[in-house]
Protein backbone atom coordinates (compact mmCIF):
# COMPACT_ATOMS: atom_id res chain seq x y z
CA MET A 1 140.74 95.83 133.97
CA ASN A 2 143.24 96.46 131.17
CA THR A 3 141.89 96.37 127.59
CA HIS A 4 145.38 94.22 126.30
CA ASP A 5 144.59 91.69 128.45
CA ASP A 6 140.95 90.89 126.62
CA TRP A 7 139.98 89.05 123.69
CA THR A 8 140.43 90.39 120.29
CA HIS A 9 136.67 90.78 119.68
CA ARG A 10 136.32 93.15 122.71
CA ALA A 11 139.86 94.25 122.44
CA GLY A 12 140.11 95.24 119.15
CA PRO A 13 141.39 93.40 116.07
CA TRP A 14 144.87 93.84 116.57
CA ALA A 15 145.52 93.87 120.46
CA PHE A 16 148.05 91.70 121.24
CA SER A 17 147.42 90.21 124.59
CA ARG A 18 149.45 88.82 127.67
CA LEU A 19 147.77 85.55 126.49
CA ASP A 20 148.59 85.40 123.10
CA GLY A 21 152.37 86.22 124.19
CA MET A 22 152.16 82.89 126.27
CA VAL A 23 150.25 80.95 123.43
CA VAL A 24 153.06 82.19 121.06
CA VAL A 25 155.83 81.11 123.29
CA LEU A 26 154.16 77.67 123.65
CA THR A 27 153.84 76.95 120.24
CA ILE A 28 157.53 78.22 119.66
CA VAL A 29 158.42 75.54 122.48
CA PHE A 30 156.78 72.62 121.25
CA TRP A 31 157.53 72.50 117.57
CA THR A 32 160.87 72.94 118.82
CA ILE A 33 161.03 69.58 120.45
CA ASN A 34 159.15 68.18 117.76
CA ALA A 35 161.34 69.11 115.29
CA LEU A 36 165.08 68.25 117.21
CA GLN A 37 163.54 64.78 118.00
CA LEU A 38 162.76 64.30 114.12
CA GLY A 39 165.81 65.76 113.32
CA ALA A 40 167.29 63.25 115.75
CA ARG A 41 165.76 60.34 114.32
CA SER A 42 167.42 61.84 110.80
CA LEU A 43 170.97 62.02 112.14
CA ILE A 44 171.30 58.61 113.16
CA SER A 45 170.45 57.26 109.82
CA PRO A 46 173.19 57.04 107.58
CA THR A 47 171.01 57.36 104.68
CA ASP A 48 169.54 60.71 106.22
CA PHE A 49 173.51 61.56 107.57
CA ASN A 50 174.72 62.31 103.64
CA GLN A 51 171.84 64.73 103.18
CA LEU A 52 172.44 66.72 106.11
CA ASP A 53 172.08 69.88 104.80
CA GLY A 54 169.14 69.48 103.17
CA VAL A 55 167.69 67.54 105.72
CA ILE A 56 168.12 70.26 108.25
CA LEU A 57 166.61 72.40 105.75
CA ALA A 58 163.92 71.01 105.14
CA ARG A 59 163.00 70.40 108.94
CA LEU A 60 163.74 73.98 109.56
CA ALA A 61 160.77 74.51 106.86
CA SER A 62 158.51 72.71 108.31
CA LEU A 63 159.01 73.71 111.93
CA GLY A 64 158.64 77.34 110.69
CA THR A 65 154.80 75.65 108.88
CA GLY A 66 154.29 74.40 112.08
CA ILE A 67 154.44 77.75 114.04
CA ILE A 68 152.70 79.37 111.32
CA LEU A 69 149.75 76.69 110.76
CA THR A 70 149.46 76.67 114.85
CA LEU A 71 149.00 80.34 114.92
CA SER A 72 147.18 80.65 112.70
CA MET A 73 144.89 78.37 114.23
CA TRP A 74 144.68 80.27 117.11
CA LEU A 75 143.95 83.40 115.62
CA PHE A 76 141.18 82.01 113.91
CA LEU A 77 140.05 79.97 117.26
CA ARG A 78 140.37 83.87 119.44
CA ARG A 79 138.70 85.75 116.86
CA LEU A 80 135.10 83.05 117.80
CA GLY A 81 135.18 84.12 121.09
CA GLU A 82 135.02 80.86 122.49
CA THR A 83 135.88 81.14 126.81
CA ARG A 84 134.77 77.18 127.66
CA ALA A 85 137.38 75.19 128.74
CA PHE A 86 136.03 71.93 126.98
CA ALA A 87 134.35 73.73 123.81
CA TRP A 88 137.13 75.08 122.52
CA PHE A 89 139.42 72.09 123.26
CA TRP A 90 137.16 70.24 120.87
CA ARG A 91 137.30 72.92 118.62
CA ALA A 92 140.71 73.01 118.72
CA ALA A 93 141.21 69.24 118.13
CA ALA A 94 139.51 69.22 115.00
CA LEU A 95 140.64 72.15 113.72
CA GLY A 96 144.15 71.09 114.34
CA LEU A 97 143.24 67.62 112.38
CA VAL A 98 143.03 69.81 109.59
CA VAL A 99 146.19 71.44 110.06
CA CYS A 100 148.33 68.30 110.77
CA LEU A 101 147.17 66.88 107.28
CA ILE A 102 148.44 70.34 105.76
CA HIS A 103 151.42 70.22 107.57
CA THR A 104 152.68 67.13 106.52
CA VAL A 105 151.71 67.42 102.94
CA LEU A 106 153.76 70.50 103.36
CA ASN A 107 156.51 68.58 105.25
CA ALA A 108 156.55 66.24 101.98
CA GLY A 109 157.12 68.75 99.47
CA TYR A 110 160.26 70.28 101.73
CA PHE A 111 161.70 66.54 101.72
CA ARG A 112 161.15 66.21 97.70
CA LEU A 113 162.66 69.91 96.57
CA LEU A 114 165.53 70.15 99.17
CA THR A 115 166.51 66.45 99.13
CA ASP A 116 166.94 63.45 97.07
CA TYR A 117 166.31 61.01 99.86
CA HIS A 118 163.59 59.62 98.34
CA ILE A 119 164.87 58.45 95.15
CA GLN A 120 168.43 57.19 97.19
CA ALA A 121 165.90 55.52 99.71
CA GLY A 122 163.48 54.83 97.12
CA GLU A 123 161.21 55.87 99.80
CA HIS A 124 158.60 58.16 98.21
CA PHE A 125 156.93 60.43 100.75
CA LEU A 126 153.91 60.46 99.60
CA ARG A 127 152.28 56.94 99.82
CA PRO A 128 149.76 56.83 102.36
CA ARG A 129 151.98 55.07 105.05
CA ASN A 130 154.75 57.37 105.02
CA LEU A 131 151.76 60.07 105.48
CA ALA A 132 150.30 58.25 108.17
CA SER A 133 153.93 57.68 109.96
CA THR A 134 154.33 61.30 110.16
CA TYR A 135 150.72 62.64 110.35
CA ILE A 136 150.98 60.87 113.64
CA SER A 137 154.20 62.15 114.38
CA PHE A 138 152.73 66.09 113.74
CA LEU A 139 149.82 65.35 115.54
CA TRP A 140 150.93 64.49 119.06
CA PRO A 141 152.08 68.78 119.39
CA ILE A 142 149.00 69.49 117.61
CA MET A 143 146.49 67.70 120.18
CA THR A 144 148.83 68.64 123.47
CA TRP A 145 149.29 72.45 122.49
CA SER A 146 145.13 72.73 121.94
CA ALA A 147 144.80 70.94 125.63
CA LEU A 148 147.79 73.37 126.83
CA CYS A 149 145.57 76.44 126.03
CA ALA A 150 142.54 75.46 126.17
CA VAL A 151 143.28 75.72 129.75
CA MET A 152 145.03 79.00 129.98
CA VAL A 153 141.78 80.26 128.48
CA ALA A 154 140.11 79.10 130.82
CA SER A 155 142.64 80.81 133.02
CA ASP A 156 142.52 83.80 132.13
CA ASN A 157 138.84 84.01 131.34
CA LEU A 158 138.27 83.12 135.37
CA ARG A 159 140.64 85.66 135.56
CA ARG A 160 138.76 88.49 133.57
CA GLN A 161 135.70 87.07 135.48
CA GLN A 162 137.64 88.07 138.60
CA ALA A 163 139.09 91.46 137.21
CA ARG A 164 135.23 92.09 136.35
CA THR A 165 133.97 91.18 139.59
CA ALA A 166 135.83 93.08 141.43
CA GLN A 167 135.37 96.73 139.24
CA ALA A 168 131.72 95.42 139.76
CA GLN A 169 132.18 95.19 143.75
CA ALA A 170 134.18 98.60 143.93
CA ALA A 171 131.86 100.77 142.18
CA ALA A 172 129.10 99.38 144.53
CA GLN A 173 130.87 99.68 147.42
CA GLN A 174 131.47 103.61 145.86
CA ALA A 175 128.03 104.26 145.32
CA GLN A 176 126.56 102.52 149.07
CA LEU A 177 129.48 104.97 150.10
CA ALA A 178 128.69 108.51 148.42
CA ALA A 179 125.15 107.60 148.73
CA LEU A 180 125.97 107.31 153.09
CA ARG A 181 127.70 110.60 152.79
CA LEU A 182 124.79 112.16 151.06
CA GLN A 183 122.99 111.31 154.09
CA ILE A 184 125.45 112.97 156.06
CA GLN A 185 125.36 116.90 154.17
CA PRO A 186 121.44 118.13 153.48
CA HIS A 187 120.84 117.06 157.59
CA PHE A 188 123.66 118.92 158.66
CA LEU A 189 123.08 121.24 155.90
CA PHE A 190 119.77 121.89 156.75
CA ASN A 191 120.47 122.70 160.23
CA THR A 192 122.87 125.33 159.74
CA LEU A 193 120.41 127.06 157.54
CA ASN A 194 117.76 126.82 159.91
CA ALA A 195 120.41 128.40 162.68
CA VAL A 196 121.40 130.89 160.54
CA SER A 197 117.54 132.22 159.94
CA SER A 198 117.26 132.23 163.78
CA LEU A 199 120.30 134.40 164.14
CA ILE A 200 118.55 136.45 161.26
CA GLY A 201 115.43 137.02 163.02
CA GLU A 202 117.13 137.71 166.62
CA GLY A 203 118.73 140.27 164.38
CA ARG A 204 121.99 139.03 164.76
CA THR A 205 123.46 139.64 161.26
CA GLN A 206 127.04 139.69 161.78
CA GLU A 207 127.18 136.25 163.72
CA ALA A 208 124.53 134.65 160.62
CA ASP A 209 127.86 136.22 158.68
CA THR A 210 130.11 134.46 160.22
CA THR A 211 127.87 131.18 160.46
CA LEU A 212 127.46 131.11 156.68
CA LEU A 213 131.53 131.68 156.29
CA ARG A 214 131.99 128.69 158.35
CA LEU A 215 129.46 126.58 156.48
CA GLY A 216 130.98 127.48 153.30
CA ALA A 217 134.54 126.34 154.62
CA PHE A 218 133.04 123.47 156.20
CA LEU A 219 131.13 122.10 152.46
CA ARG A 220 134.22 123.06 150.64
CA HIS A 221 136.13 120.43 152.38
CA THR A 222 133.12 117.79 153.15
CA LEU A 223 132.54 118.40 148.68
CA ALA A 224 136.51 118.02 147.96
CA ALA A 225 136.97 114.29 149.04
CA ALA A 226 135.81 111.33 147.05
CA PRO A 227 133.14 109.06 148.97
CA HIS A 228 135.34 106.15 149.42
CA ASP A 229 138.00 108.36 150.38
CA ARG A 230 140.09 108.21 153.64
CA VAL A 231 141.42 111.12 155.45
CA SER A 232 144.43 111.72 158.42
CA LEU A 233 142.39 111.72 161.44
CA ALA A 234 144.32 115.93 161.49
CA SER A 235 142.18 116.73 159.18
CA GLU A 236 138.98 114.76 160.57
CA LEU A 237 139.56 116.13 163.24
CA GLU A 238 140.03 119.95 161.45
CA ASN A 239 136.34 119.55 159.59
CA GLN A 240 135.22 118.91 163.02
CA ASN A 241 136.23 121.51 164.84
CA ARG A 242 134.44 123.77 161.61
CA TYR A 243 131.34 121.63 162.47
CA LEU A 244 131.42 123.12 166.69
CA ASP A 245 132.48 126.41 165.19
CA ILE A 246 129.24 127.05 163.71
CA GLU A 247 127.42 125.25 166.86
CA GLU A 248 129.42 127.75 168.86
CA ILE A 249 127.21 130.58 167.40
CA ARG A 250 124.12 129.13 168.72
CA PHE A 251 125.88 127.20 171.63
CA SER A 252 128.69 130.14 172.88
CA ASP A 253 127.47 129.62 176.49
CA ARG A 254 127.36 126.31 176.96
CA LEU A 255 129.36 124.61 174.50
CA LEU A 256 132.48 123.02 175.78
CA ARG A 257 135.10 121.22 173.58
CA ARG A 258 137.89 118.99 175.10
CA MET A 259 139.91 117.06 172.36
CA ALA A 260 141.50 114.47 174.22
CA VAL A 261 143.91 113.01 171.03
CA GLU A 262 146.99 111.51 171.08
CA PRO A 263 149.76 113.11 169.61
CA GLN A 264 150.26 110.23 167.67
CA THR A 265 147.33 109.39 166.28
CA LEU A 266 147.53 112.60 164.12
CA CYS A 267 148.53 110.55 160.86
CA ALA A 268 145.92 107.76 161.36
CA LEU A 269 144.19 106.71 157.77
CA VAL A 270 139.94 107.30 159.31
CA PRO A 271 136.98 106.91 157.31
CA GLY A 272 135.89 110.91 155.92
CA LEU A 273 133.17 112.11 158.00
CA ILE A 274 132.89 109.53 160.45
CA LEU A 275 132.69 110.82 163.33
CA GLN A 276 130.28 113.57 162.25
CA PRO A 277 126.80 112.53 162.90
CA PHE A 278 127.94 111.13 166.52
CA VAL A 279 129.27 115.20 167.16
CA GLU A 280 126.11 116.68 165.40
CA ASN A 281 123.97 113.99 167.04
CA ALA A 282 125.67 115.26 170.78
CA VAL A 283 124.69 119.03 169.90
CA LYS A 284 121.18 117.80 168.99
CA HIS A 285 120.35 115.89 171.54
CA GLY A 286 122.40 116.39 174.41
CA LEU A 287 123.41 120.40 174.59
CA ALA A 288 120.45 121.61 172.76
CA ARG A 289 118.54 119.79 175.63
CA SER A 290 120.44 120.95 178.06
CA LEU A 291 119.96 124.14 180.76
CA ASP A 292 123.73 123.37 181.86
CA PRO A 293 126.66 123.58 180.01
CA VAL A 294 127.77 120.42 178.06
CA THR A 295 131.28 118.86 177.36
CA LEU A 296 131.49 117.90 174.43
CA GLU A 297 134.82 115.17 174.12
CA ILE A 298 136.48 113.65 170.65
CA GLY A 299 139.34 111.78 171.80
CA ALA A 300 141.84 109.09 169.99
CA ARG A 301 144.38 106.66 171.30
CA ARG A 302 146.50 104.21 169.68
CA ASP A 303 146.39 100.51 170.89
CA GLY A 304 149.44 98.88 169.12
CA ALA A 305 148.00 98.23 165.62
CA ARG A 306 144.23 98.87 166.33
CA LEU A 307 143.10 103.10 166.74
CA ALA A 308 140.34 103.75 169.43
CA LEU A 309 137.77 106.99 168.45
CA TRP A 310 134.94 108.15 170.74
CA VAL A 311 133.05 110.65 171.08
CA SER A 312 131.21 111.58 174.36
CA ASP A 313 129.42 114.51 176.21
CA ASN A 314 127.87 114.61 179.70
CA ALA A 315 124.68 116.10 178.98
CA ALA A 316 122.37 115.66 182.28
CA GLY A 317 119.06 114.45 181.59
CA ARG A 318 119.99 112.29 178.35
CA PRO A 319 118.06 109.33 178.18
CA HIS A 320 119.65 105.64 178.84
CA ASP A 321 117.52 103.28 177.30
CA SER A 322 119.92 101.79 173.83
CA THR A 323 117.43 99.76 172.10
CA ARG A 324 117.41 100.55 168.64
CA GLY A 325 114.07 101.20 168.72
CA HIS A 326 115.13 103.98 170.81
CA LEU A 327 117.83 105.47 169.01
CA LEU A 328 115.84 105.64 165.90
CA ASN A 329 113.58 108.29 167.48
CA GLN A 330 116.19 110.46 168.57
CA GLY A 331 117.58 110.19 165.51
CA LEU A 332 121.12 108.52 166.28
CA GLY A 333 119.75 104.85 165.33
CA ARG A 334 120.14 105.98 161.24
CA SER A 335 123.68 107.83 162.18
CA LEU A 336 124.86 104.19 163.54
CA ASP A 337 123.44 102.20 160.92
CA ASN A 338 125.28 104.75 158.68
CA ALA A 339 128.96 104.67 160.12
CA GLU A 340 127.96 100.52 160.78
CA GLN A 341 127.80 100.02 156.74
CA ARG A 342 130.59 102.21 156.02
CA LEU A 343 133.12 100.65 158.46
CA ARG A 344 131.58 97.40 157.32
CA LEU A 345 132.51 98.34 153.60
CA LEU A 346 135.24 99.54 153.93
CA TYR A 347 137.11 97.69 156.88
CA GLY A 348 134.64 94.12 156.61
CA PRO A 349 134.96 92.04 159.99
CA ASP A 350 138.18 94.19 161.35
CA ALA A 351 136.72 97.58 162.71
CA SER A 352 133.32 97.66 165.58
CA LEU A 353 131.47 100.07 166.66
CA ARG A 354 130.03 100.79 170.15
CA TYR A 355 127.67 103.02 172.06
CA GLY A 356 125.14 103.45 175.27
CA PRO A 357 125.47 106.31 178.09
CA GLY A 358 128.86 107.49 179.47
CA SER A 359 130.18 106.78 182.90
CA SER A 360 130.00 109.95 184.10
CA GLY A 361 126.01 110.75 182.23
CA GLY A 362 125.63 111.77 178.59
CA TRP A 363 126.11 109.48 175.93
CA ARG A 364 129.23 107.45 174.19
CA ILE A 365 130.04 106.16 171.14
CA ASP A 366 133.21 104.54 170.58
CA LEU A 367 134.78 103.15 167.16
CA ASP A 368 137.55 100.45 166.67
CA LEU A 369 139.75 100.32 163.50
CA PRO A 370 143.00 99.01 162.38
CA PHE A 371 145.84 101.38 162.67
CA GLU A 372 146.77 102.91 159.31
CA ALA A 373 149.47 105.63 159.09
CA ALA A 374 148.69 108.19 156.30
CA ALA A 375 151.69 108.43 153.47
């Protein structure tokens, strides 16, 4: 929210907001209309016509006084910080009664000083009847101004409330996405460090060193992006290849990867690390439990305004039970919950996730997202 769009008691004593500007324009317009109406009455009076210069000066002085007094009202009411429309209106109306009386007396003084109309016409502006007539002519702009300002105050308050709500929702969303992403990194990190430890224990120090270097490249990439950022599919696939490069050290004889990615999808924006838990699960529960080579496929296809992503493996012997309880035992249930939450936070109902046994064995995860090209 822009600080200059807030009230004085929130934004500083001399901040000039958009609402202030609207009130200034409204005030000038109202008092100008009032002055033109009263001036028209003066011009059609033969007695007043002889005093045209003095009447014009008096009307201009009255106009300036009305604007200054009304804006002073605004400054006073603004400092009170009241944002409820009805309460604001009644305060403005009560203060307007006093301001209107001051304006009426000053208006009488201007005409007495700048014209001799009171002598020629035998009129005395301070007589109760004349004061009451002038008071009423000044009262309607004050009351109408108060009502319109109350509406603008309520509208401005609603706008600021909506801005605060949007900021709170954005902050909550970012916090949730950060928490979800942090669920991925420690799990993968611990698995990789365990793999490095095993390689060292087996005397495969060169492979352990290569694995650590690849791990460093992977973590630099994942930690560089904000948790709510989306990345191009090309960047996401590059990061998944870094991950598979690490796992290839452990399963060099059995891990086969296939990228079934249409070239036109590489520019699509996707949530960062959205594929990571599914690729990791395919390695952990497919490849690691199979004695035969396993093909892990990552695919992407564009269908009009939609983007289809999938991760599948053909590991033999993987259970076909896709109930949530069984998936939780496998570790995949939490990954599914994680991904579904992220999709819901980023896209609402405009994205979906499906999972189950693959047509040729193994397991398959499908994501359906809006297609949005990176700038």
